[in-house]
Amino acid sequence: MDNSIVVEPPGRRTHRRHSAEFKAQVILACRQPGVSVAAVALSNSLNANMLRRWVLDAERTGAMAGSVQGSVAATSSLPAFVAVQMASAPAASPEPDIHIELRRGPTTIVMRWPPNLAGACATWLREMLR
């Protein structure tokens, strides 16, 4: 006796069609710095994997060239390049000294060595621990 139940899909699945201008706008939004493809897809009710494929296809084929890019560029008022003045780097802080503290019973020895004499510090420590 067969107890399996087969559920038929409720109807034929339809695919939405998007205009070239809409695709160009969401692709341009994905290319903005700090914007995630998933966030753009979610805000436009799109599947993130599909939108990522659109972005990759546009990069491969150069689909952003021509009239589609012109229509999107007209809506964007961002300049192509913005010069940013960089602040000068702060002066490098000196390296901290090598700090060694040895304890044997009630006696404690504290030594500080300049980092540029690390080899001499290693030699002294090796002799001290013999």
N, C-alpha and C. Protein backbone atom coordinates (compact mmCIF):
# COMPACT_ATOMS: atom_id res chain seq x y z
N MET A 1 0.84 -1.17 0.00
CA MET A 1 0.00 0.00 0.00
C MET A 1 0.89 1.23 0.00
N ASP A 2 0.59 2.22 -0.85
CA ASP A 2 1.39 3.43 -1.00
C ASP A 2 0.78 4.55 -0.17
N ASN A 3 1.55 5.03 0.86
CA ASN A 3 1.06 6.09 1.74
C ASN A 3 1.66 7.46 1.41
N SER A 4 2.41 7.58 0.34
CA SER A 4 3.05 8.85 0.01
C SER A 4 2.03 9.83 -0.57
N ILE A 5 2.24 11.09 -0.30
CA ILE A 5 1.36 12.14 -0.78
C ILE A 5 2.18 13.05 -1.69
N VAL A 6 1.68 13.32 -2.86
CA VAL A 6 2.35 14.20 -3.80
C VAL A 6 1.60 15.53 -3.81
N VAL A 7 2.34 16.61 -3.56
CA VAL A 7 1.75 17.95 -3.56
C VAL A 7 2.17 18.65 -4.84
N GLU A 8 1.23 19.08 -5.63
CA GLU A 8 1.51 19.78 -6.87
C GLU A 8 1.72 21.27 -6.58
N PRO A 9 2.61 21.92 -7.31
CA PRO A 9 2.78 23.37 -7.13
C PRO A 9 1.48 24.10 -7.46
N PRO A 10 1.23 25.23 -6.78
CA PRO A 10 -0.04 25.94 -6.95
C PRO A 10 -0.20 26.66 -8.28
N GLY A 11 0.69 26.57 -9.16
CA GLY A 11 0.55 27.25 -10.45
C GLY A 11 1.91 27.46 -11.08
N ARG A 12 1.91 27.98 -12.25
CA ARG A 12 3.16 28.22 -12.94
C ARG A 12 3.89 29.41 -12.33
N ARG A 13 5.16 29.25 -12.17
CA ARG A 13 6.00 30.30 -11.59
C ARG A 13 6.27 31.37 -12.65
N THR A 14 6.14 32.62 -12.26
CA THR A 14 6.40 33.71 -13.21
C THR A 14 7.68 34.42 -12.82
N HIS A 15 8.33 34.99 -13.80
CA HIS A 15 9.58 35.72 -13.58
C HIS A 15 9.32 37.21 -13.81
N ARG A 16 9.83 38.01 -12.91
CA ARG A 16 9.71 39.45 -13.09
C ARG A 16 10.73 39.92 -14.12
N ARG A 17 10.41 40.93 -14.85
CA ARG A 17 11.31 41.53 -15.83
C ARG A 17 11.68 42.91 -15.32
N HIS A 18 12.97 43.24 -15.41
CA HIS A 18 13.45 44.54 -14.94
C HIS A 18 14.05 45.29 -16.12
N SER A 19 13.80 46.58 -16.16
CA SER A 19 14.33 47.40 -17.25
C SER A 19 15.84 47.57 -17.11
N ALA A 20 16.47 47.91 -18.21
CA ALA A 20 17.92 48.13 -18.22
C ALA A 20 18.30 49.29 -17.30
N GLU A 21 17.45 50.32 -17.24
CA GLU A 21 17.74 51.46 -16.37
C GLU A 21 17.71 51.06 -14.90
N PHE A 22 16.71 50.23 -14.53
CA PHE A 22 16.62 49.78 -13.14
C PHE A 22 17.85 48.95 -12.78
N LYS A 23 18.23 48.03 -13.69
CA LYS A 23 19.40 47.20 -13.43
C LYS A 23 20.65 48.08 -13.27
N ALA A 24 20.79 49.07 -14.13
CA ALA A 24 21.96 49.95 -14.06
C ALA A 24 21.99 50.72 -12.74
N GLN A 25 20.83 51.15 -12.27
CA GLN A 25 20.77 51.89 -11.00
C GLN A 25 21.18 51.02 -9.82
N VAL A 26 20.67 49.78 -9.76
CA VAL A 26 21.03 48.93 -8.62
C VAL A 26 22.47 48.46 -8.71
N ILE A 27 22.97 48.26 -9.93
CA ILE A 27 24.38 47.89 -10.09
C ILE A 27 25.27 49.03 -9.62
N LEU A 28 24.91 50.26 -10.00
CA LEU A 28 25.67 51.43 -9.56
C LEU A 28 25.62 51.57 -8.05
N ALA A 29 24.48 51.29 -7.45
CA ALA A 29 24.36 51.35 -5.99
C ALA A 29 25.26 50.32 -5.33
N CYS A 30 25.39 49.15 -5.94
CA CYS A 30 26.25 48.09 -5.38
C CYS A 30 27.73 48.46 -5.46
N ARG A 31 28.09 49.28 -6.42
CA ARG A 31 29.50 49.65 -6.62
C ARG A 31 29.96 50.78 -5.71
N GLN A 32 29.07 51.35 -4.94
CA GLN A 32 29.45 52.43 -4.02
C GLN A 32 30.28 51.84 -2.88
N PRO A 33 31.28 52.57 -2.38
CA PRO A 33 32.11 52.05 -1.30
C PRO A 33 31.29 51.84 -0.03
N GLY A 34 31.52 50.71 0.61
CA GLY A 34 30.87 50.42 1.88
C GLY A 34 29.45 49.92 1.78
N VAL A 35 28.97 49.63 0.57
CA VAL A 35 27.60 49.16 0.38
C VAL A 35 27.63 47.68 0.08
N SER A 36 26.78 46.91 0.76
CA SER A 36 26.75 45.47 0.50
C SER A 36 25.70 45.17 -0.56
N VAL A 37 26.00 44.17 -1.37
CA VAL A 37 25.08 43.75 -2.42
C VAL A 37 23.79 43.24 -1.78
N ALA A 38 23.91 42.53 -0.67
CA ALA A 38 22.73 41.99 0.00
C ALA A 38 21.79 43.11 0.48
N ALA A 39 22.36 44.19 0.99
CA ALA A 39 21.53 45.31 1.47
C ALA A 39 20.80 45.98 0.31
N VAL A 40 21.48 46.15 -0.82
CA VAL A 40 20.84 46.76 -1.99
C VAL A 40 19.74 45.84 -2.50
N ALA A 41 20.02 44.53 -2.54
CA ALA A 41 19.02 43.57 -3.00
C ALA A 41 17.79 43.60 -2.10
N LEU A 42 18.01 43.60 -0.81
CA LEU A 42 16.90 43.59 0.14
C LEU A 42 16.06 44.86 0.01
N SER A 43 16.71 46.00 -0.16
CA SER A 43 15.96 47.25 -0.25
C SER A 43 15.19 47.38 -1.56
N ASN A 44 15.56 46.59 -2.58
CA ASN A 44 14.87 46.64 -3.86
C ASN A 44 14.06 45.37 -4.14
N SER A 45 13.84 44.55 -3.12
CA SER A 45 13.07 43.30 -3.23
C SER A 45 13.63 42.39 -4.31
N LEU A 46 14.95 42.24 -4.32
CA LEU A 46 15.62 41.37 -5.29
C LEU A 46 16.34 40.26 -4.55
N ASN A 47 16.64 39.19 -5.27
CA ASN A 47 17.45 38.12 -4.72
C ASN A 47 18.91 38.55 -4.78
N ALA A 48 19.63 38.40 -3.67
CA ALA A 48 21.01 38.87 -3.60
C ALA A 48 21.91 38.13 -4.59
N ASN A 49 21.68 36.85 -4.79
CA ASN A 49 22.50 36.09 -5.74
C ASN A 49 22.28 36.59 -7.17
N MET A 50 21.04 36.90 -7.51
CA MET A 50 20.75 37.41 -8.84
C MET A 50 21.42 38.78 -9.05
N LEU A 51 21.33 39.65 -8.03
CA LEU A 51 21.93 40.97 -8.14
C LEU A 51 23.45 40.86 -8.26
N ARG A 52 24.05 39.95 -7.51
CA ARG A 52 25.49 39.75 -7.61
C ARG A 52 25.87 39.31 -9.03
N ARG A 53 25.04 38.45 -9.63
CA ARG A 53 25.29 38.01 -11.00
C ARG A 53 25.19 39.19 -11.96
N TRP A 54 24.21 40.08 -11.74
CA TRP A 54 24.09 41.27 -12.58
C TRP A 54 25.36 42.12 -12.49
N VAL A 55 25.87 42.30 -11.26
CA VAL A 55 27.07 43.12 -11.06
C VAL A 55 28.26 42.48 -11.77
N LEU A 56 28.44 41.16 -11.61
CA LEU A 56 29.56 40.48 -12.26
C LEU A 56 29.44 40.54 -13.77
N ASP A 57 28.23 40.34 -14.30
CA ASP A 57 28.03 40.42 -15.74
C ASP A 57 28.34 41.83 -16.26
N ALA A 58 27.93 42.85 -15.51
CA ALA A 58 28.20 44.23 -15.93
C ALA A 58 29.70 44.51 -15.93
N GLU A 59 30.42 43.96 -14.96
CA GLU A 59 31.87 44.16 -14.92
C GLU A 59 32.55 43.44 -16.08
N ARG A 60 32.09 42.23 -16.39
CA ARG A 60 32.69 41.46 -17.47
C ARG A 60 32.42 42.06 -18.84
N THR A 61 31.18 42.46 -19.08
CA THR A 61 30.80 42.90 -20.41
C THR A 61 30.90 44.40 -20.61
N GLY A 62 31.13 45.15 -19.55
CA GLY A 62 31.18 46.60 -19.67
C GLY A 62 29.81 47.17 -19.98
N ALA A 63 28.77 46.55 -19.43
CA ALA A 63 27.40 46.96 -19.72
C ALA A 63 27.06 48.35 -19.19
N MET A 64 27.90 48.91 -18.37
CA MET A 64 27.62 50.24 -17.82
C MET A 64 27.97 51.34 -18.82
N ALA A 65 28.59 50.98 -19.94
CA ALA A 65 28.97 51.99 -20.94
C ALA A 65 27.76 52.40 -21.77
N GLY A 66 27.85 53.54 -22.36
CA GLY A 66 26.82 53.96 -23.30
C GLY A 66 25.66 54.66 -22.65
N SER A 67 24.48 54.47 -23.25
CA SER A 67 23.29 55.22 -22.84
C SER A 67 22.81 54.84 -21.45
N VAL A 68 22.98 53.57 -21.07
CA VAL A 68 22.52 53.16 -19.74
C VAL A 68 23.32 53.90 -18.68
N GLN A 69 24.63 53.98 -18.85
CA GLN A 69 25.44 54.69 -17.88
C GLN A 69 25.11 56.18 -17.89
N GLY A 70 24.84 56.73 -19.06
CA GLY A 70 24.49 58.14 -19.15
C GLY A 70 23.22 58.45 -18.39
N SER A 71 22.22 57.59 -18.45
CA SER A 71 20.97 57.85 -17.75
C SER A 71 21.16 57.75 -16.25
N VAL A 72 22.05 56.85 -15.81
CA VAL A 72 22.31 56.73 -14.37
C VAL A 72 23.19 57.87 -13.89
N ALA A 73 24.17 58.26 -14.71
CA ALA A 73 25.08 59.33 -14.31
C ALA A 73 24.33 60.64 -14.16
N ALA A 74 23.27 60.83 -14.93
CA ALA A 74 22.51 62.06 -14.83
C ALA A 74 21.81 62.18 -13.48
N THR A 75 21.47 61.03 -12.87
CA THR A 75 20.79 61.06 -11.57
C THR A 75 21.78 61.21 -10.43
N SER A 76 23.06 60.96 -10.68
CA SER A 76 24.07 61.02 -9.62
C SER A 76 24.79 62.35 -9.69
N SER A 77 24.87 63.05 -8.55
CA SER A 77 25.55 64.33 -8.53
C SER A 77 26.91 64.23 -7.85
N LEU A 78 27.42 63.01 -7.66
CA LEU A 78 28.71 62.83 -7.02
C LEU A 78 29.83 63.11 -8.01
N PRO A 79 30.88 63.82 -7.58
CA PRO A 79 32.02 64.04 -8.47
C PRO A 79 32.79 62.74 -8.67
N ALA A 80 33.52 62.65 -9.77
CA ALA A 80 34.26 61.44 -10.07
C ALA A 80 35.44 61.26 -9.12
N PHE A 81 36.05 62.35 -8.69
CA PHE A 81 37.21 62.25 -7.81
C PHE A 81 37.15 63.36 -6.77
N VAL A 82 37.43 63.01 -5.55
CA VAL A 82 37.46 63.99 -4.46
C VAL A 82 38.83 63.92 -3.81
N ALA A 83 39.56 65.02 -3.84
CA ALA A 83 40.88 65.07 -3.21
C ALA A 83 40.71 65.22 -1.70
N VAL A 84 41.45 64.45 -0.96
CA VAL A 84 41.37 64.48 0.50
C VAL A 84 42.74 64.84 1.04
N GLN A 85 42.78 65.82 1.91
CA GLN A 85 44.03 66.22 2.53
C GLN A 85 44.33 65.28 3.70
N MET A 86 45.46 64.63 3.66
CA MET A 86 45.84 63.70 4.71
C MET A 86 46.61 64.45 5.80
N ALA A 87 46.27 64.16 7.03
CA ALA A 87 46.99 64.75 8.15
C ALA A 87 48.36 64.10 8.25
N SER A 88 49.34 64.87 8.70
CA SER A 88 50.68 64.30 8.83
C SER A 88 50.67 63.26 9.93
N ALA A 89 51.48 62.23 9.74
CA ALA A 89 51.54 61.13 10.70
C ALA A 89 52.20 61.61 11.98
N PRO A 90 51.69 61.18 13.13
CA PRO A 90 52.32 61.58 14.38
C PRO A 90 53.71 60.96 14.49
N ALA A 91 54.56 61.62 15.23
CA ALA A 91 55.92 61.12 15.41
C ALA A 91 55.87 59.75 16.05
N ALA A 92 56.73 58.87 15.55
CA ALA A 92 56.76 57.51 16.07
C ALA A 92 57.21 57.53 17.54
N SER A 93 56.47 56.83 18.35
CA SER A 93 56.84 56.77 19.76
C SER A 93 58.04 55.85 19.91
N PRO A 94 58.93 56.18 20.83
CA PRO A 94 60.12 55.34 21.02
C PRO A 94 59.71 53.95 21.50
N GLU A 95 60.49 52.97 21.09
CA GLU A 95 60.20 51.60 21.53
C GLU A 95 60.41 51.51 23.03
N PRO A 96 59.57 50.75 23.71
CA PRO A 96 59.75 50.60 25.15
C PRO A 96 61.01 49.79 25.45
N ASP A 97 61.57 50.05 26.60
CA ASP A 97 62.76 49.31 27.02
C ASP A 97 62.42 47.84 27.26
N ILE A 98 63.45 47.00 27.15
CA ILE A 98 63.31 45.59 27.53
C ILE A 98 63.32 45.55 29.05
N HIS A 99 62.31 44.96 29.62
CA HIS A 99 62.14 44.94 31.08
C HIS A 99 62.27 43.49 31.55
N ILE A 100 63.27 43.23 32.40
CA ILE A 100 63.50 41.89 32.95
C ILE A 100 63.45 41.98 34.46
N GLU A 101 62.68 41.08 35.05
CA GLU A 101 62.58 41.03 36.51
C GLU A 101 62.85 39.59 36.94
N LEU A 102 63.93 39.42 37.73
CA LEU A 102 64.31 38.09 38.22
C LEU A 102 64.08 38.02 39.72
N ARG A 103 63.47 36.91 40.17
CA ARG A 103 63.23 36.72 41.62
C ARG A 103 63.80 35.38 42.04
N ARG A 104 64.57 35.42 43.10
CA ARG A 104 65.08 34.20 43.73
C ARG A 104 64.98 34.40 45.23
N GLY A 105 64.01 33.72 45.81
CA GLY A 105 63.76 33.89 47.24
C GLY A 105 63.35 35.32 47.52
N PRO A 106 63.98 35.96 48.54
CA PRO A 106 63.60 37.33 48.86
C PRO A 106 64.27 38.38 47.97
N THR A 107 65.16 37.95 47.06
CA THR A 107 65.90 38.88 46.23
C THR A 107 65.19 39.09 44.89
N THR A 108 65.08 40.34 44.46
CA THR A 108 64.49 40.69 43.17
C THR A 108 65.47 41.59 42.43
N ILE A 109 65.74 41.23 41.19
CA ILE A 109 66.61 42.05 40.34
C ILE A 109 65.76 42.55 39.17
N VAL A 110 65.77 43.86 38.95
CA VAL A 110 65.04 44.47 37.85
C VAL A 110 66.05 45.11 36.91
N MET A 111 65.97 44.72 35.62
CA MET A 111 66.90 45.27 34.63
C MET A 111 66.09 45.87 33.48
N ARG A 112 66.57 46.99 32.97
CA ARG A 112 65.98 47.62 31.79
C ARG A 112 67.08 47.80 30.76
N TRP A 113 66.80 47.33 29.56
CA TRP A 113 67.75 47.41 28.47
C TRP A 113 67.13 48.18 27.32
N PRO A 114 67.92 49.00 26.62
CA PRO A 114 67.39 49.65 25.42
C PRO A 114 67.18 48.59 24.33
N PRO A 115 66.15 48.73 23.54
CA PRO A 115 65.86 47.70 22.53
C PRO A 115 66.95 47.54 21.48
N ASN A 116 67.74 48.58 21.23
CA ASN A 116 68.80 48.45 20.24
C ASN A 116 69.96 47.59 20.73
N LEU A 117 69.98 47.24 22.01
CA LEU A 117 71.02 46.37 22.58
C LEU A 117 70.43 45.02 23.01
N ALA A 118 69.46 44.51 22.25
CA ALA A 118 68.79 43.25 22.60
C ALA A 118 69.77 42.08 22.61
N GLY A 119 70.76 42.08 21.72
CA GLY A 119 71.76 40.99 21.70
C GLY A 119 72.55 40.94 22.99
N ALA A 120 72.98 42.11 23.49
CA ALA A 120 73.74 42.15 24.75
C ALA A 120 72.84 41.71 25.90
N CYS A 121 71.55 42.05 25.85
CA CYS A 121 70.61 41.64 26.89
C CYS A 121 70.48 40.12 26.91
N ALA A 122 70.39 39.50 25.74
CA ALA A 122 70.28 38.04 25.66
C ALA A 122 71.53 37.37 26.22
N THR A 123 72.71 37.92 25.89
CA THR A 123 73.96 37.35 26.41
C THR A 123 73.99 37.45 27.92
N TRP A 124 73.64 38.62 28.47
CA TRP A 124 73.64 38.79 29.93
C TRP A 124 72.66 37.83 30.60
N LEU A 125 71.47 37.69 30.02
CA LEU A 125 70.46 36.81 30.60
C LEU A 125 70.89 35.35 30.57
N ARG A 126 71.51 34.94 29.46
CA ARG A 126 72.00 33.57 29.35
C ARG A 126 73.04 33.29 30.44
N GLU A 127 73.97 34.23 30.64
CA GLU A 127 74.99 34.06 31.69
C GLU A 127 74.36 34.08 33.09
N MET A 128 73.37 34.90 33.28
CA MET A 128 72.72 35.01 34.58
C MET A 128 71.98 33.75 34.98
N LEU A 129 71.41 33.06 33.99
CA LEU A 129 70.58 31.87 34.28
C LEU A 129 71.40 30.58 34.31
N ARG A 130 72.71 30.64 34.14
CA ARG A 130 73.54 29.42 34.23
C ARG A 130 73.65 28.92 35.61
